[in-house]
Each structure stands twice: as C-alpha cells, then as structure tokens.
Amino acid sequence: MTNNTTTDLNKLSFQEAIAFTGNWLDQVMTSSLSDAEILSNLIELLSHRNGVRGFFVAYLTGSCPLADHPPAIFIEAFQAVASEIKEILVKNVAMSTAMAIAHSRNQDKEQQAGSEQVKRRSQNLLQTLEATPYGQTFQQERQALLDALQTQTGDYETFLQRWQYDEEQRRAIKNSLVAIAN
C-alpha cells in the first residue's frame, strides 16, 4: 500500500510528486499494489499539473523499465487523464529532442544519452496512446506543435520561442514528432 492516500496525491507539490513517483514505481515493480490501486493512484496523481510534471520527470528520466514498456494498466490510466497529460507528453518529445542536440554540441555524452532516452520513451508512449480510443486527443496535440513549427504561430510557437530553439532543433523536433505517426 502506498504511504499517500488518493486525497493526498492530488495535492502534492512538484517535488513531492517526483519523490512519490520514484517510491511508487518501486512498489509497482515489486507487485506490492493491485491493478485497482495502481489505476486509482495514477489517475489521482495525474489530475493536477504538479502531479503530471512530477510523475513524468521521475517516470521518463529514471531507470524503471516500465517507462520503456508501459503496462496496460498505465495506458488505461493515461487514457483516463488524456486531457491533463497530452501537452506535457508532446512537450517532452520537443524538449528532449532539442536538449539532445544542445548536449551533443557541448560534447556531454551522458546528458545527451539521458535526453535521447526521454525522447524515445516519450515517442513510444505517444505512439501507443495514439493507437487507443483516445488517440485523437494525442494526435491533435502533436499536430498543434507540428503546425506551429510550420506556420510559426500559436501557443506552441510561444513555447518554441521561450526556449529559443534554433533551426536545427526545430527540424529535429519536427522529425521526432513525425516519426511517431510512422
């Protein structure tokens, strides 16, 4: 059983959500939680911005193999909170792609490998989710970023400008997003 109740999970700070997720993933890996508990915990944690951000930081950057092959119960939970997680998943593809290039330029192979792992995991997760009944939600979000890359307008253009992504990074982001549909 987890140390936090579901009531607590929707009130965690970003840092608390990261810490909770690390411990929680260990419990999932050791089969300490039932599918019902996993589903309930994940839906509650992903019901608010700090929970979404904290979960995906820990999940995508950590060493847990569940991020490489998400179990069906995770996919079920992700579908239930599609509207809450769609933006961060698309942004994770973009940011990790751009950061892999930045780390390569700085000859930081370790950080580059970490960014490549996050990119790969994020792409895999989006591809999996796009094949579900909620797939259109994720496809539309991914397309919104692709449109911004093409037209240089919209909310995602503001995001791209805020992070000052250059042409090489923007091309790589486009390629990473297009690869999800293939």
N, C-alpha and C. Protein backbone atom coordinates (compact mmCIF):
# COMPACT_ATOMS: atom_id res chain seq x y z
N MET A 1 0.84 -1.18 0.00
CA MET A 1 0.00 0.00 0.00
C MET A 1 0.89 1.24 0.00
N THR A 2 0.46 2.26 -0.66
CA THR A 2 1.24 3.48 -0.72
C THR A 2 1.12 4.26 0.58
N ASN A 3 2.08 5.13 0.82
CA ASN A 3 2.05 5.97 2.02
C ASN A 3 1.06 7.11 1.88
N ASN A 4 0.75 7.50 0.66
CA ASN A 4 -0.17 8.60 0.43
C ASN A 4 -1.55 8.06 0.10
N THR A 5 -2.57 8.73 0.60
CA THR A 5 -3.92 8.37 0.19
C THR A 5 -4.20 9.09 -1.12
N THR A 6 -5.25 8.65 -1.82
CA THR A 6 -5.57 9.30 -3.08
C THR A 6 -5.92 10.77 -2.86
N THR A 7 -6.44 11.10 -1.69
CA THR A 7 -6.72 12.51 -1.40
C THR A 7 -5.43 13.31 -1.38
N ASP A 8 -4.37 12.74 -0.83
CA ASP A 8 -3.08 13.42 -0.79
C ASP A 8 -2.49 13.60 -2.18
N LEU A 9 -2.68 12.65 -3.05
CA LEU A 9 -2.00 12.66 -4.34
C LEU A 9 -2.39 13.84 -5.21
N ASN A 10 -3.59 14.33 -5.07
CA ASN A 10 -3.98 15.46 -5.92
C ASN A 10 -3.58 16.80 -5.30
N LYS A 11 -2.79 16.75 -4.23
CA LYS A 11 -2.32 17.98 -3.58
C LYS A 11 -0.80 18.05 -3.49
N LEU A 12 -0.10 17.09 -4.06
CA LEU A 12 1.36 17.07 -3.96
C LEU A 12 1.99 18.23 -4.72
N SER A 13 3.09 18.74 -4.17
CA SER A 13 3.89 19.72 -4.90
C SER A 13 4.65 18.99 -6.00
N PHE A 14 5.28 19.73 -6.87
CA PHE A 14 6.09 19.15 -7.94
C PHE A 14 7.17 18.23 -7.35
N GLN A 15 7.92 18.72 -6.38
CA GLN A 15 8.99 17.92 -5.77
C GLN A 15 8.43 16.69 -5.05
N GLU A 16 7.31 16.85 -4.36
CA GLU A 16 6.68 15.71 -3.68
C GLU A 16 6.21 14.68 -4.69
N ALA A 17 5.71 15.13 -5.83
CA ALA A 17 5.24 14.20 -6.87
C ALA A 17 6.40 13.41 -7.45
N ILE A 18 7.55 14.05 -7.62
CA ILE A 18 8.74 13.33 -8.10
C ILE A 18 9.13 12.24 -7.10
N ALA A 19 9.23 12.62 -5.83
CA ALA A 19 9.62 11.66 -4.78
C ALA A 19 8.60 10.53 -4.67
N PHE A 20 7.32 10.88 -4.66
CA PHE A 20 6.28 9.86 -4.57
C PHE A 20 6.40 8.88 -5.74
N THR A 21 6.57 9.40 -6.94
CA THR A 21 6.60 8.55 -8.13
C THR A 21 7.73 7.55 -8.07
N GLY A 22 8.91 7.97 -7.64
CA GLY A 22 10.03 7.04 -7.53
C GLY A 22 9.71 5.88 -6.60
N ASN A 23 9.18 6.19 -5.43
CA ASN A 23 8.81 5.14 -4.47
C ASN A 23 7.66 4.29 -4.99
N TRP A 24 6.70 4.94 -5.60
CA TRP A 24 5.52 4.25 -6.12
C TRP A 24 5.90 3.28 -7.24
N LEU A 25 6.79 3.71 -8.14
CA LEU A 25 7.22 2.81 -9.22
C LEU A 25 7.92 1.58 -8.65
N ASP A 26 8.68 1.76 -7.57
CA ASP A 26 9.30 0.60 -6.91
C ASP A 26 8.24 -0.37 -6.41
N GLN A 27 7.16 0.16 -5.84
CA GLN A 27 6.06 -0.69 -5.36
C GLN A 27 5.37 -1.39 -6.52
N VAL A 28 5.19 -0.70 -7.62
CA VAL A 28 4.59 -1.33 -8.80
C VAL A 28 5.49 -2.46 -9.29
N MET A 29 6.79 -2.21 -9.35
CA MET A 29 7.74 -3.21 -9.84
C MET A 29 7.77 -4.46 -8.96
N THR A 30 7.56 -4.30 -7.67
CA THR A 30 7.59 -5.45 -6.77
C THR A 30 6.21 -6.06 -6.56
N SER A 31 5.25 -5.64 -7.37
CA SER A 31 3.88 -6.16 -7.31
C SER A 31 3.24 -5.95 -5.94
N SER A 32 3.59 -4.86 -5.28
CA SER A 32 3.02 -4.54 -3.97
C SER A 32 1.65 -3.90 -4.07
N LEU A 33 1.26 -3.48 -5.27
CA LEU A 33 -0.02 -2.80 -5.47
C LEU A 33 -0.89 -3.59 -6.43
N SER A 34 -2.18 -3.57 -6.16
CA SER A 34 -3.13 -4.21 -7.08
C SER A 34 -3.33 -3.29 -8.29
N ASP A 35 -3.88 -3.85 -9.35
CA ASP A 35 -4.19 -3.03 -10.53
C ASP A 35 -5.14 -1.90 -10.17
N ALA A 36 -6.11 -2.17 -9.30
CA ALA A 36 -7.06 -1.13 -8.89
C ALA A 36 -6.34 0.01 -8.17
N GLU A 37 -5.38 -0.34 -7.31
CA GLU A 37 -4.61 0.69 -6.60
C GLU A 37 -3.73 1.49 -7.57
N ILE A 38 -3.10 0.78 -8.50
CA ILE A 38 -2.27 1.46 -9.50
C ILE A 38 -3.10 2.45 -10.30
N LEU A 39 -4.23 1.99 -10.78
CA LEU A 39 -5.10 2.84 -11.59
C LEU A 39 -5.57 4.05 -10.80
N SER A 40 -6.04 3.82 -9.60
CA SER A 40 -6.54 4.91 -8.75
C SER A 40 -5.43 5.91 -8.42
N ASN A 41 -4.27 5.40 -8.00
CA ASN A 41 -3.15 6.28 -7.66
C ASN A 41 -2.72 7.12 -8.85
N LEU A 42 -2.59 6.49 -10.00
CA LEU A 42 -2.11 7.19 -11.19
C LEU A 42 -3.10 8.25 -11.65
N ILE A 43 -4.37 7.93 -11.66
CA ILE A 43 -5.38 8.91 -12.08
C ILE A 43 -5.39 10.10 -11.12
N GLU A 44 -5.31 9.84 -9.82
CA GLU A 44 -5.28 10.95 -8.85
C GLU A 44 -4.03 11.80 -8.99
N LEU A 45 -2.88 11.14 -9.12
CA LEU A 45 -1.62 11.87 -9.25
C LEU A 45 -1.63 12.75 -10.51
N LEU A 46 -2.19 12.22 -11.59
CA LEU A 46 -2.18 12.95 -12.86
C LEU A 46 -3.39 13.87 -13.04
N SER A 47 -4.08 14.15 -11.95
CA SER A 47 -5.26 15.02 -12.03
C SER A 47 -4.91 16.50 -11.86
N HIS A 48 -3.63 16.80 -11.60
CA HIS A 48 -3.23 18.20 -11.41
C HIS A 48 -1.82 18.41 -11.98
N ARG A 49 -1.52 19.65 -12.31
CA ARG A 49 -0.30 20.00 -13.03
C ARG A 49 0.98 19.54 -12.32
N ASN A 50 1.09 19.78 -11.01
CA ASN A 50 2.30 19.36 -10.30
C ASN A 50 2.46 17.85 -10.34
N GLY A 51 1.35 17.13 -10.22
CA GLY A 51 1.41 15.68 -10.28
C GLY A 51 1.84 15.19 -11.64
N VAL A 52 1.30 15.79 -12.69
CA VAL A 52 1.66 15.41 -14.07
C VAL A 52 3.15 15.66 -14.30
N ARG A 53 3.60 16.86 -13.97
CA ARG A 53 5.00 17.22 -14.19
C ARG A 53 5.93 16.31 -13.38
N GLY A 54 5.62 16.16 -12.09
CA GLY A 54 6.47 15.34 -11.24
C GLY A 54 6.51 13.88 -11.65
N PHE A 55 5.34 13.35 -12.00
CA PHE A 55 5.29 11.95 -12.43
C PHE A 55 6.17 11.74 -13.66
N PHE A 56 5.98 12.57 -14.68
CA PHE A 56 6.71 12.33 -15.92
C PHE A 56 8.20 12.62 -15.80
N VAL A 57 8.60 13.53 -14.92
CA VAL A 57 10.04 13.72 -14.67
C VAL A 57 10.63 12.41 -14.14
N ALA A 58 10.01 11.87 -13.10
CA ALA A 58 10.54 10.64 -12.49
C ALA A 58 10.41 9.44 -13.43
N TYR A 59 9.28 9.33 -14.08
CA TYR A 59 8.98 8.17 -14.93
C TYR A 59 9.87 8.14 -16.17
N LEU A 60 10.01 9.25 -16.85
CA LEU A 60 10.74 9.26 -18.12
C LEU A 60 12.25 9.34 -17.95
N THR A 61 12.73 9.93 -16.85
CA THR A 61 14.17 10.08 -16.68
C THR A 61 14.79 8.99 -15.82
N GLY A 62 13.99 8.24 -15.11
CA GLY A 62 14.51 7.24 -14.19
C GLY A 62 14.93 5.95 -14.88
N SER A 63 15.34 5.00 -14.07
CA SER A 63 15.83 3.72 -14.60
C SER A 63 14.76 2.63 -14.63
N CYS A 64 13.54 2.97 -14.27
CA CYS A 64 12.46 1.98 -14.22
C CYS A 64 12.12 1.47 -15.62
N PRO A 65 12.19 0.16 -15.84
CA PRO A 65 11.90 -0.40 -17.16
C PRO A 65 10.44 -0.23 -17.60
N LEU A 66 9.56 0.10 -16.66
CA LEU A 66 8.16 0.32 -17.02
C LEU A 66 8.00 1.50 -17.97
N ALA A 67 8.96 2.41 -17.98
CA ALA A 67 8.90 3.55 -18.90
C ALA A 67 9.23 3.13 -20.32
N ASP A 68 9.95 2.03 -20.47
CA ASP A 68 10.27 1.53 -21.81
C ASP A 68 9.14 0.68 -22.37
N HIS A 69 8.42 0.02 -21.48
CA HIS A 69 7.30 -0.84 -21.88
C HIS A 69 6.16 -0.63 -20.89
N PRO A 70 5.40 0.46 -21.07
CA PRO A 70 4.33 0.76 -20.10
C PRO A 70 3.30 -0.36 -20.02
N PRO A 71 2.98 -0.79 -18.81
CA PRO A 71 1.97 -1.83 -18.66
C PRO A 71 0.59 -1.33 -19.07
N ALA A 72 -0.28 -2.25 -19.40
CA ALA A 72 -1.63 -1.91 -19.86
C ALA A 72 -2.38 -1.05 -18.85
N ILE A 73 -2.16 -1.29 -17.56
CA ILE A 73 -2.86 -0.51 -16.54
C ILE A 73 -2.42 0.95 -16.59
N PHE A 74 -1.15 1.21 -16.93
CA PHE A 74 -0.68 2.59 -17.09
C PHE A 74 -1.37 3.24 -18.29
N ILE A 75 -1.46 2.50 -19.38
CA ILE A 75 -2.10 3.04 -20.59
C ILE A 75 -3.56 3.35 -20.30
N GLU A 76 -4.21 2.49 -19.54
CA GLU A 76 -5.60 2.75 -19.16
C GLU A 76 -5.71 4.05 -18.36
N ALA A 77 -4.82 4.24 -17.41
CA ALA A 77 -4.83 5.47 -16.61
C ALA A 77 -4.51 6.69 -17.48
N PHE A 78 -3.53 6.57 -18.35
CA PHE A 78 -3.16 7.70 -19.21
C PHE A 78 -4.32 8.11 -20.11
N GLN A 79 -5.09 7.14 -20.58
CA GLN A 79 -6.27 7.47 -21.39
C GLN A 79 -7.30 8.23 -20.56
N ALA A 80 -7.46 7.82 -19.31
CA ALA A 80 -8.45 8.46 -18.44
C ALA A 80 -8.12 9.92 -18.15
N VAL A 81 -6.85 10.27 -18.24
CA VAL A 81 -6.41 11.65 -17.97
C VAL A 81 -5.78 12.28 -19.21
N ALA A 82 -6.25 11.86 -20.37
CA ALA A 82 -5.66 12.32 -21.64
C ALA A 82 -5.58 13.84 -21.73
N SER A 83 -6.62 14.52 -21.34
CA SER A 83 -6.62 15.99 -21.46
C SER A 83 -5.60 16.64 -20.53
N GLU A 84 -5.27 15.99 -19.42
CA GLU A 84 -4.29 16.54 -18.48
C GLU A 84 -2.85 16.27 -18.90
N ILE A 85 -2.60 15.20 -19.65
CA ILE A 85 -1.21 14.82 -19.95
C ILE A 85 -0.79 15.05 -21.39
N LYS A 86 -1.71 15.34 -22.28
CA LYS A 86 -1.37 15.44 -23.71
C LYS A 86 -0.30 16.49 -23.99
N GLU A 87 -0.43 17.66 -23.38
CA GLU A 87 0.52 18.74 -23.65
C GLU A 87 1.92 18.39 -23.16
N ILE A 88 2.03 17.86 -21.95
CA ILE A 88 3.35 17.57 -21.41
C ILE A 88 4.04 16.45 -22.20
N LEU A 89 3.28 15.49 -22.70
CA LEU A 89 3.90 14.43 -23.49
C LEU A 89 4.46 14.98 -24.79
N VAL A 90 3.72 15.85 -25.45
CA VAL A 90 4.20 16.45 -26.70
C VAL A 90 5.41 17.34 -26.41
N LYS A 91 5.33 18.13 -25.34
CA LYS A 91 6.46 18.99 -24.99
C LYS A 91 7.68 18.18 -24.58
N ASN A 92 7.48 17.02 -23.96
CA ASN A 92 8.62 16.18 -23.60
C ASN A 92 9.36 15.69 -24.83
N VAL A 93 8.63 15.36 -25.89
CA VAL A 93 9.30 14.98 -27.15
C VAL A 93 10.12 16.16 -27.65
N ALA A 94 9.51 17.34 -27.69
CA ALA A 94 10.20 18.53 -28.21
C ALA A 94 11.42 18.88 -27.37
N MET A 95 11.24 18.97 -26.07
CA MET A 95 12.33 19.43 -25.20
C MET A 95 13.48 18.43 -25.15
N SER A 96 13.16 17.16 -25.09
CA SER A 96 14.24 16.16 -25.03
C SER A 96 14.99 16.09 -26.35
N THR A 97 14.29 16.27 -27.46
CA THR A 97 14.93 16.29 -28.77
C THR A 97 15.89 17.47 -28.86
N ALA A 98 15.41 18.65 -28.49
CA ALA A 98 16.25 19.86 -28.54
C ALA A 98 17.42 19.77 -27.57
N MET A 99 17.19 19.23 -26.39
CA MET A 99 18.27 19.13 -25.40
C MET A 99 19.32 18.11 -25.82
N ALA A 100 18.92 17.06 -26.51
CA ALA A 100 19.92 16.09 -27.00
C ALA A 100 20.89 16.80 -27.95
N ILE A 101 20.36 17.69 -28.78
CA ILE A 101 21.23 18.45 -29.69
C ILE A 101 22.13 19.39 -28.89
N ALA A 102 21.57 20.09 -27.93
CA ALA A 102 22.37 21.01 -27.10
C ALA A 102 23.48 20.26 -26.37
N HIS A 103 23.17 19.11 -25.81
CA HIS A 103 24.19 18.33 -25.11
C HIS A 103 25.24 17.81 -26.07
N SER A 104 24.84 17.43 -27.27
CA SER A 104 25.79 16.99 -28.28
C SER A 104 26.76 18.12 -28.64
N ARG A 105 26.22 19.31 -28.81
CA ARG A 105 27.06 20.48 -29.12
C ARG A 105 28.06 20.74 -28.01
N ASN A 106 27.66 20.48 -26.77
CA ASN A 106 28.53 20.69 -25.61
C ASN A 106 29.40 19.47 -25.31
N GLN A 107 29.30 18.47 -26.15
CA GLN A 107 30.06 17.23 -26.01
C GLN A 107 29.83 16.56 -24.65
N ASP A 108 28.59 16.63 -24.19
CA ASP A 108 28.20 15.99 -22.93
C ASP A 108 27.41 14.73 -23.27
N LYS A 109 28.14 13.65 -23.47
CA LYS A 109 27.54 12.38 -23.93
C LYS A 109 26.54 11.81 -22.93
N GLU A 110 26.84 11.95 -21.65
CA GLU A 110 25.95 11.39 -20.63
C GLU A 110 24.59 12.10 -20.64
N GLN A 111 24.61 13.43 -20.65
CA GLN A 111 23.35 14.18 -20.70
C GLN A 111 22.63 13.96 -22.02
N GLN A 112 23.39 13.84 -23.10
CA GLN A 112 22.78 13.57 -24.40
C GLN A 112 22.05 12.23 -24.37
N ALA A 113 22.68 11.22 -23.79
CA ALA A 113 22.05 9.90 -23.69
C ALA A 113 20.77 9.97 -22.86
N GLY A 114 20.78 10.74 -21.79
CA GLY A 114 19.58 10.90 -20.97
C GLY A 114 18.45 11.56 -21.75
N SER A 115 18.78 12.59 -22.51
CA SER A 115 17.76 13.27 -23.33
C SER A 115 17.24 12.35 -24.42
N GLU A 116 18.12 11.57 -25.01
CA GLU A 116 17.69 10.61 -26.04
C GLU A 116 16.74 9.57 -25.44
N GLN A 117 17.03 9.14 -24.21
CA GLN A 117 16.15 8.17 -23.55
C GLN A 117 14.77 8.77 -23.31
N VAL A 118 14.71 10.00 -22.82
CA VAL A 118 13.42 10.65 -22.59
C VAL A 118 12.68 10.81 -23.91
N LYS A 119 13.38 11.20 -24.96
CA LYS A 119 12.75 11.34 -26.28
C LYS A 119 12.16 10.01 -26.74
N ARG A 120 12.94 8.97 -26.66
CA ARG A 120 12.50 7.65 -27.10
C ARG A 120 11.28 7.17 -26.30
N ARG A 121 11.35 7.33 -24.99
CA ARG A 121 10.24 6.91 -24.14
C ARG A 121 8.98 7.74 -24.42
N SER A 122 9.16 9.03 -24.60
CA SER A 122 8.01 9.91 -24.88
C SER A 122 7.39 9.59 -26.23
N GLN A 123 8.23 9.36 -27.23
CA GLN A 123 7.72 8.99 -28.55
C GLN A 123 6.96 7.67 -28.48
N ASN A 124 7.54 6.70 -27.80
CA ASN A 124 6.90 5.39 -27.67
C ASN A 124 5.54 5.51 -26.98
N LEU A 125 5.50 6.29 -25.92
CA LEU A 125 4.26 6.46 -25.17
C LEU A 125 3.21 7.16 -26.02
N LEU A 126 3.59 8.22 -26.72
CA LEU A 126 2.63 8.91 -27.58
C LEU A 126 2.14 8.00 -28.70
N GLN A 127 3.04 7.24 -29.28
CA GLN A 127 2.64 6.31 -30.35
C GLN A 127 1.64 5.28 -29.82
N THR A 128 1.90 4.76 -28.64
CA THR A 128 0.99 3.80 -28.02
C THR A 128 -0.37 4.44 -27.74
N LEU A 129 -0.36 5.63 -27.18
CA LEU A 129 -1.61 6.31 -26.84
C LEU A 129 -2.39 6.74 -28.07
N GLU A 130 -1.70 7.07 -29.14
CA GLU A 130 -2.40 7.45 -30.37
C GLU A 130 -3.13 6.27 -31.01
N ALA A 131 -2.78 5.06 -30.61
CA ALA A 131 -3.43 3.86 -31.14
C ALA A 131 -4.61 3.41 -30.28
N THR A 132 -4.95 4.19 -29.26
CA THR A 132 -6.05 3.85 -28.36
C THR A 132 -7.31 4.62 -28.77
N PRO A 133 -8.44 4.30 -28.12
CA PRO A 133 -9.67 5.07 -28.40
C PRO A 133 -9.53 6.58 -28.13
N TYR A 134 -8.56 6.98 -27.31
CA TYR A 134 -8.32 8.40 -27.03
C TYR A 134 -7.23 8.97 -27.93
N GLY A 135 -6.84 8.22 -28.92
CA GLY A 135 -5.73 8.60 -29.78
C GLY A 135 -5.85 9.96 -30.43
N GLN A 136 -7.06 10.33 -30.79
CA GLN A 136 -7.26 11.61 -31.47
C GLN A 136 -6.83 12.78 -30.59
N THR A 137 -7.05 12.67 -29.30
CA THR A 137 -6.64 13.73 -28.36
C THR A 137 -5.14 13.97 -28.46
N PHE A 138 -4.38 12.89 -28.47
CA PHE A 138 -2.92 12.99 -28.53
C PHE A 138 -2.45 13.39 -29.93
N GLN A 139 -3.10 12.86 -30.96
CA GLN A 139 -2.75 13.23 -32.34
C GLN A 139 -2.95 14.72 -32.57
N GLN A 140 -4.06 15.26 -32.09
CA GLN A 140 -4.34 16.68 -32.28
C GLN A 140 -3.32 17.55 -31.56
N GLU A 141 -2.91 17.15 -30.39
CA GLU A 141 -1.91 17.92 -29.65
C GLU A 141 -0.56 17.88 -30.37
N ARG A 142 -0.18 16.72 -30.84
CA ARG A 142 1.07 16.59 -31.59
C ARG A 142 1.00 17.43 -32.86
N GLN A 143 -0.15 17.40 -33.53
CA GLN A 143 -0.32 18.17 -34.76
C GLN A 143 -0.26 19.68 -34.49
N ALA A 144 -0.73 20.11 -33.33
CA ALA A 144 -0.67 21.54 -32.98
C ALA A 144 0.78 22.02 -32.92
N LEU A 145 1.67 21.20 -32.39
CA LEU A 145 3.08 21.58 -32.36
C LEU A 145 3.67 21.52 -33.77
N LEU A 146 3.32 20.51 -34.54
CA LEU A 146 3.79 20.45 -35.93
C LEU A 146 3.32 21.68 -36.71
N ASP A 147 2.08 22.09 -36.51
CA ASP A 147 1.55 23.28 -37.18
C ASP A 147 2.34 24.53 -36.78
N ALA A 148 2.65 24.66 -35.51
CA ALA A 148 3.43 25.82 -35.05
C ALA A 148 4.82 25.83 -35.67
N LEU A 149 5.41 24.66 -35.82
CA LEU A 149 6.72 24.58 -36.46
C LEU A 149 6.64 25.03 -37.92
N GLN A 150 5.52 24.74 -38.55
CA GLN A 150 5.31 25.10 -39.96
C GLN A 150 4.95 26.58 -40.12
N THR A 151 4.02 27.06 -39.32
CA THR A 151 3.46 28.41 -39.51
C THR A 151 4.11 29.47 -38.62
N GLN A 152 4.84 29.03 -37.61
CA GLN A 152 5.46 29.92 -36.62
C GLN A 152 4.41 30.81 -35.94
N THR A 153 3.25 30.22 -35.64
CA THR A 153 2.18 30.91 -34.92
C THR A 153 1.59 29.97 -33.88
N GLY A 154 0.81 30.54 -32.97
CA GLY A 154 0.07 29.74 -31.99
C GLY A 154 0.79 29.58 -30.67
N ASP A 155 0.11 28.88 -29.76
CA ASP A 155 0.64 28.69 -28.41
C ASP A 155 1.97 27.95 -28.42
N TYR A 156 2.10 26.97 -29.29
CA TYR A 156 3.35 26.23 -29.32
C TYR A 156 4.49 27.07 -29.89
N GLU A 157 4.20 28.04 -30.73
CA GLU A 157 5.26 28.94 -31.21
C GLU A 157 5.80 29.76 -30.04
N THR A 158 4.92 30.18 -29.15
CA THR A 158 5.35 30.89 -27.94
C THR A 158 6.28 30.00 -27.12
N PHE A 159 5.91 28.74 -26.98
CA PHE A 159 6.74 27.75 -26.28
C PHE A 159 8.11 27.62 -26.96
N LEU A 160 8.13 27.48 -28.27
CA LEU A 160 9.38 27.32 -29.01
C LEU A 160 10.27 28.56 -28.87
N GLN A 161 9.67 29.72 -28.92
CA GLN A 161 10.44 30.96 -28.78
C GLN A 161 10.97 31.13 -27.36
N ARG A 162 10.15 30.78 -26.37
CA ARG A 162 10.58 30.91 -24.97
C ARG A 162 11.85 30.11 -24.72
N TRP A 163 11.94 28.93 -25.32
CA TRP A 163 13.12 28.08 -25.13
C TRP A 163 14.21 28.37 -26.15
N GLN A 164 13.96 29.30 -27.05
CA GLN A 164 14.96 29.76 -28.02
C GLN A 164 15.54 28.62 -28.85
N TYR A 165 14.67 27.75 -29.33
CA TYR A 165 15.13 26.66 -30.18
C TYR A 165 15.53 27.21 -31.54
N ASP A 166 16.68 26.78 -32.02
CA ASP A 166 17.18 27.24 -33.31
C ASP A 166 16.64 26.35 -34.43
N GLU A 167 17.04 26.64 -35.66
CA GLU A 167 16.51 25.91 -36.82
C GLU A 167 16.83 24.42 -36.77
N GLU A 168 18.05 24.07 -36.38
CA GLU A 168 18.41 22.65 -36.30
C GLU A 168 17.53 21.93 -35.27
N GLN A 169 17.32 22.56 -34.14
CA GLN A 169 16.49 21.96 -33.10
C GLN A 169 15.04 21.85 -33.56
N ARG A 170 14.54 22.87 -34.22
CA ARG A 170 13.16 22.85 -34.72
C ARG A 170 12.98 21.74 -35.76
N ARG A 171 13.95 21.57 -36.65
CA ARG A 171 13.86 20.48 -37.63
C ARG A 171 13.86 19.12 -36.94
N ALA A 172 14.71 18.98 -35.94
CA ALA A 172 14.79 17.72 -35.21
C ALA A 172 13.48 17.44 -34.45
N ILE A 173 12.90 18.48 -33.86
CA ILE A 173 11.61 18.32 -33.17
C ILE A 173 10.56 17.86 -34.17
N LYS A 174 10.51 18.49 -35.32
CA LYS A 174 9.55 18.09 -36.35
C LYS A 174 9.75 16.62 -36.71
N ASN A 175 10.99 16.23 -36.96
CA ASN A 175 11.27 14.84 -37.33
C ASN A 175 10.87 13.87 -36.22
N SER A 176 11.11 14.25 -34.98
CA SER A 176 10.73 13.39 -33.85
C SER A 176 9.22 13.22 -33.75
N LEU A 177 8.49 14.31 -34.00
CA LEU A 177 7.03 14.25 -33.94
C LEU A 177 6.44 13.48 -35.11
N VAL A 178 7.00 13.67 -36.29
CA VAL A 178 6.52 12.96 -37.48
C VAL A 178 6.78 11.46 -37.33
N ALA A 179 7.90 11.09 -36.74
CA ALA A 179 8.26 9.68 -36.57
C ALA A 179 7.23 8.92 -35.74
N ILE A 180 6.51 9.60 -34.88
CA ILE A 180 5.51 8.95 -34.03
C ILE A 180 4.40 8.34 -34.87
N ALA A 181 4.04 9.00 -35.95
CA ALA A 181 2.94 8.52 -36.80
C ALA A 181 3.37 7.39 -37.72
N ASN A 182 4.65 7.16 -37.84
CA ASN A 182 5.15 6.12 -38.76
C ASN A 182 5.34 4.78 -38.10
